[in-house]
Amino acid sequence: MTEVKICGLSTPETLAAALDEGAAYVGAVIFPKSPRHIAPEAAAELFEAARGRAGIVAVVVNPEDALLGRISQSLKPDYIQLHGTETPQRAREVRALTSAKIIKAHSIRTVEDFVGWQDWTDAADILLFDAKPPEGASLPGGVGHSFDWSLMTGRALPAKWFLAGGLDAANLGEALRQTGAPMVDVSSGVERAPGVKDISLIRDFMKAARRS
């Protein structure tokens, strides 16, 4: 089965659904501008139920050291997902500060947006390719848009990478057919409103992943 990360979880019920359905990774979005934001200390309490059952991911955007310290001390994530304009050097610093593995998100709209991803082969443990948000958007991701999946055709990529951006139960099969993604990330595609996860949509998405 394709490995699934369900991101932006914020309630015990939806986290339990993700875990029970076999999500390989579960994500806490720690970014106040996001409707999915959860404070590190609240995330620590919630995600303790996932410890040992799925990889715990803290999603951050251009984080300062003080925030990383709070996340490391309270949540103790397995992964830090960098979703801003961080450099490879900054990613190495984050890894050293937190002892967590690194997921680096790359925003994609055109073929030119793939330039430079090879610079991350040593700085990130897993890459994530997400749809670039519209001009002027306040969020770097989680806006429910897909990019042109044909851009992934024939592209030499590392063994572990996530496809993200506008995925849901209805289009997951086609997304995997076009991209061959070994891992997928979903957030808005399992929500009934921004930041409000839906248990039935989580189950439908995981069923679609199991069919892949």
Protein backbone atom coordinates (compact mmCIF):
# COMPACT_ATOMS: atom_id res chain seq x y z
CA MET A 1 0.00 0.00 0.00
CA THR A 2 1.11 3.55 -0.69
CA GLU A 3 2.28 5.17 2.55
CA VAL A 4 -0.08 7.92 3.71
CA LYS A 5 0.52 10.99 5.83
CA ILE A 6 -2.56 12.72 7.19
CA CYS A 7 -1.64 16.25 8.12
CA GLY A 8 -3.28 18.92 10.24
CA LEU A 9 -4.91 16.58 12.76
CA SER A 10 -6.18 18.35 15.87
CA THR A 11 -8.72 16.12 17.67
CA PRO A 12 -8.44 12.72 19.39
CA GLU A 13 -11.22 11.30 17.23
CA THR A 14 -9.66 12.15 13.88
CA LEU A 15 -6.20 11.11 15.03
CA ALA A 16 -7.63 7.77 16.16
CA ALA A 17 -9.32 7.30 12.79
CA ALA A 18 -6.06 8.00 10.96
CA LEU A 19 -4.17 5.53 13.12
CA ASP A 20 -6.84 2.84 13.01
CA GLU A 21 -6.98 3.08 9.22
CA GLY A 22 -3.23 2.59 8.94
CA ALA A 23 -1.77 6.03 8.26
CA ALA A 24 2.03 5.73 8.30
CA TYR A 25 2.53 9.37 9.34
CA VAL A 26 0.39 11.87 11.23
CA GLY A 27 1.07 15.58 11.19
CA ALA A 28 0.61 18.53 13.54
CA VAL A 29 0.62 21.92 11.84
CA ILE A 30 2.39 24.41 14.10
CA PHE A 31 1.86 27.64 12.19
CA PRO A 32 -0.53 30.27 13.60
CA LYS A 33 -1.71 31.50 10.19
CA SER A 34 -3.07 28.06 9.36
CA PRO A 35 -6.64 26.99 10.26
CA ARG A 36 -5.02 23.71 11.33
CA HIS A 37 -2.63 25.31 13.82
CA ILE A 38 -2.07 23.59 17.13
CA ALA A 39 0.36 24.73 19.82
CA PRO A 40 3.33 22.44 20.49
CA GLU A 41 2.19 21.64 24.02
CA ALA A 42 -1.35 20.75 22.90
CA ALA A 43 0.10 18.68 20.06
CA ALA A 44 2.29 16.81 22.54
CA GLU A 45 -0.73 15.76 24.57
CA LEU A 46 -2.77 14.77 21.52
CA PHE A 47 -0.10 12.96 19.51
CA GLU A 48 1.19 10.83 22.37
CA ALA A 49 -1.45 8.34 21.24
CA ALA A 50 0.44 7.99 17.95
CA ARG A 51 3.84 7.27 19.49
CA GLY A 52 5.12 3.98 18.12
CA ARG A 53 2.14 3.57 15.79
CA ALA A 54 2.96 6.18 13.14
CA GLY A 55 5.64 8.72 12.41
CA ILE A 56 4.84 11.98 14.21
CA VAL A 57 5.46 15.03 12.02
CA ALA A 58 5.63 18.67 13.13
CA VAL A 59 4.90 20.97 10.18
CA VAL A 60 6.50 24.40 10.48
CA VAL A 61 7.23 27.41 8.26
CA ASN A 62 10.58 29.19 8.60
CA PRO A 63 10.75 28.29 12.31
CA GLU A 64 12.89 30.18 14.79
CA ASP A 65 15.10 28.28 17.22
CA ALA A 66 12.84 29.10 20.18
CA LEU A 67 9.85 27.44 18.53
CA LEU A 68 11.92 24.44 17.55
CA GLY A 69 13.00 24.12 21.16
CA ARG A 70 9.39 24.06 22.35
CA ILE A 71 8.48 21.48 19.72
CA SER A 72 11.47 19.29 20.53
CA GLN A 73 10.93 19.40 24.28
CA SER A 74 7.16 18.87 24.27
CA LEU A 75 6.06 17.04 21.12
CA LYS A 76 9.32 15.16 20.46
CA PRO A 77 8.42 14.56 16.80
CA ASP A 78 10.00 11.92 14.63
CA TYR A 79 10.08 14.40 11.73
CA ILE A 80 10.16 18.16 11.26
CA GLN A 81 8.51 19.19 7.98
CA LEU A 82 9.92 22.45 6.67
CA HIS A 83 7.29 24.17 4.53
CA GLY A 84 8.82 27.62 4.03
CA THR A 85 11.87 29.07 2.31
CA GLU A 86 14.40 27.20 4.43
CA THR A 87 17.80 26.43 2.93
CA PRO A 88 19.63 23.09 3.10
CA GLN A 89 21.97 24.58 5.69
CA ARG A 90 19.02 25.63 7.84
CA ALA A 91 17.60 22.12 7.56
CA ARG A 92 20.85 20.70 8.89
CA GLU A 93 20.65 23.14 11.81
CA VAL A 94 17.05 22.08 12.51
CA ARG A 95 18.06 18.43 12.50
CA ALA A 96 20.87 19.17 14.95
CA LEU A 97 18.62 21.24 17.21
CA THR A 98 15.75 18.77 17.37
CA SER A 99 17.30 15.35 16.65
CA ALA A 100 14.34 14.83 14.29
CA LYS A 101 14.50 13.71 10.70
CA ILE A 102 13.69 16.30 8.04
CA ILE A 103 10.91 16.44 5.46
CA LYS A 104 11.31 19.34 3.04
CA ALA A 105 8.34 20.62 1.03
CA HIS A 106 8.88 21.97 -2.48
CA SER A 107 6.12 24.06 -4.07
CA ILE A 108 5.48 23.13 -7.71
CA ARG A 109 3.64 24.90 -10.52
CA THR A 110 5.94 24.59 -13.54
CA VAL A 111 8.95 22.50 -14.51
CA GLU A 112 11.22 25.33 -13.37
CA ASP A 113 10.10 24.76 -9.79
CA PHE A 114 12.05 21.49 -9.70
CA VAL A 115 15.34 23.34 -10.07
CA GLY A 116 17.52 22.85 -7.01
CA TRP A 117 15.78 19.95 -5.34
CA GLN A 118 18.94 17.85 -5.74
CA ASP A 119 20.62 20.22 -3.26
CA TRP A 120 18.43 18.59 -0.61
CA THR A 121 19.56 15.01 -1.03
CA ASP A 122 21.74 15.16 2.09
CA ALA A 123 19.84 17.87 4.00
CA ALA A 124 16.41 16.19 3.98
CA ASP A 125 15.42 12.62 4.74
CA ILE A 126 12.23 12.83 2.67
CA LEU A 127 11.12 15.31 0.01
CA LEU A 128 7.53 16.47 -0.44
CA PHE A 129 6.20 17.96 -3.68
CA ASP A 130 3.16 20.19 -3.10
CA ALA A 131 1.16 22.55 -5.28
CA LYS A 132 2.44 26.10 -5.27
CA PRO A 133 -0.30 28.32 -3.78
CA PRO A 134 -1.85 31.14 -5.80
CA GLU A 135 -0.09 34.50 -5.89
CA GLY A 136 -0.79 36.47 -2.73
CA ALA A 137 -1.88 33.44 -0.70
CA SER A 138 -1.09 33.62 3.02
CA LEU A 139 -0.43 29.88 3.37
CA PRO A 140 2.42 27.93 1.75
CA GLY A 141 0.29 24.79 1.41
CA GLY A 142 -2.92 23.10 2.45
CA VAL A 143 -5.03 25.12 0.02
CA GLY A 144 -6.61 22.17 -1.79
CA HIS A 145 -4.96 22.69 -5.18
CA SER A 146 -3.13 20.13 -7.31
CA PHE A 147 -0.24 20.75 -9.66
CA ASP A 148 0.20 19.19 -13.09
CA TRP A 149 1.07 15.60 -12.20
CA SER A 150 2.55 14.98 -15.65
CA LEU A 151 5.51 17.10 -14.50
CA MET A 152 6.60 14.08 -12.44
CA THR A 153 6.79 11.76 -15.46
CA GLY A 154 10.25 10.32 -16.02
CA ARG A 155 11.77 12.39 -13.24
CA ALA A 156 14.63 10.75 -11.32
CA LEU A 157 13.71 11.11 -7.66
CA PRO A 158 14.90 9.54 -4.41
CA ALA A 159 13.23 6.38 -3.18
CA LYS A 160 11.18 8.20 -0.53
CA TRP A 161 9.07 11.22 -1.47
CA PHE A 162 5.57 12.49 -0.86
CA LEU A 163 3.06 13.73 -3.42
CA ALA A 164 0.82 16.44 -1.93
CA GLY A 165 -1.62 19.07 -3.07
CA GLY A 166 -5.35 18.66 -3.68
CA LEU A 167 -5.47 14.91 -3.16
CA ASP A 168 -8.69 13.22 -2.12
CA ALA A 169 -10.27 9.77 -2.30
CA ALA A 170 -11.68 10.46 -5.78
CA ASN A 171 -8.45 11.49 -7.50
CA LEU A 172 -5.85 9.50 -5.56
CA GLY A 173 -5.82 6.56 -7.95
CA GLU A 174 -5.20 8.77 -10.98
CA ALA A 175 -2.55 10.76 -9.10
CA LEU A 176 -0.66 7.58 -8.29
CA ARG A 177 -1.05 6.25 -11.83
CA GLN A 178 0.48 9.40 -13.28
CA THR A 179 3.24 9.98 -10.74
CA GLY A 180 4.12 6.60 -9.25
CA ALA A 181 4.41 8.34 -5.89
CA PRO A 182 5.51 5.97 -3.11
CA MET A 183 4.04 8.24 -0.42
CA VAL A 184 1.14 10.71 -0.33
CA ASP A 185 0.19 13.57 1.96
CA VAL A 186 -3.41 14.70 2.49
CA SER A 187 -4.94 17.50 4.55
CA SER A 188 -7.76 19.51 2.98
CA GLY A 189 -8.88 16.42 1.04
CA VAL A 190 -10.14 14.83 4.26
CA GLU A 191 -11.83 17.97 5.64
CA ARG A 192 -15.44 19.14 5.59
CA ALA A 193 -14.29 22.72 6.24
CA PRO A 194 -10.84 24.34 6.50
CA GLY A 195 -9.13 22.78 9.51
CA VAL A 196 -12.05 20.46 10.32
CA LYS A 197 -11.11 16.84 9.59
CA ASP A 198 -13.90 14.37 8.79
CA ILE A 199 -13.62 10.77 9.99
CA SER A 200 -15.59 9.37 7.04
CA LEU A 201 -13.37 11.22 4.56
CA ILE A 202 -10.27 9.89 6.32
CA ARG A 203 -11.63 6.37 5.98
CA ASP A 204 -12.50 6.88 2.31
CA PHE A 205 -9.02 8.20 1.55
CA MET A 206 -7.33 5.29 3.29
CA LYS A 207 -9.54 2.83 1.40
CA ALA A 208 -8.46 4.47 -1.84
CA ALA A 209 -4.82 4.18 -0.78
CA ARG A 210 -5.25 0.50 -0.01
CA ARG A 211 -6.66 -0.06 -3.50
CA SER A 212 -3.58 1.52 -5.07
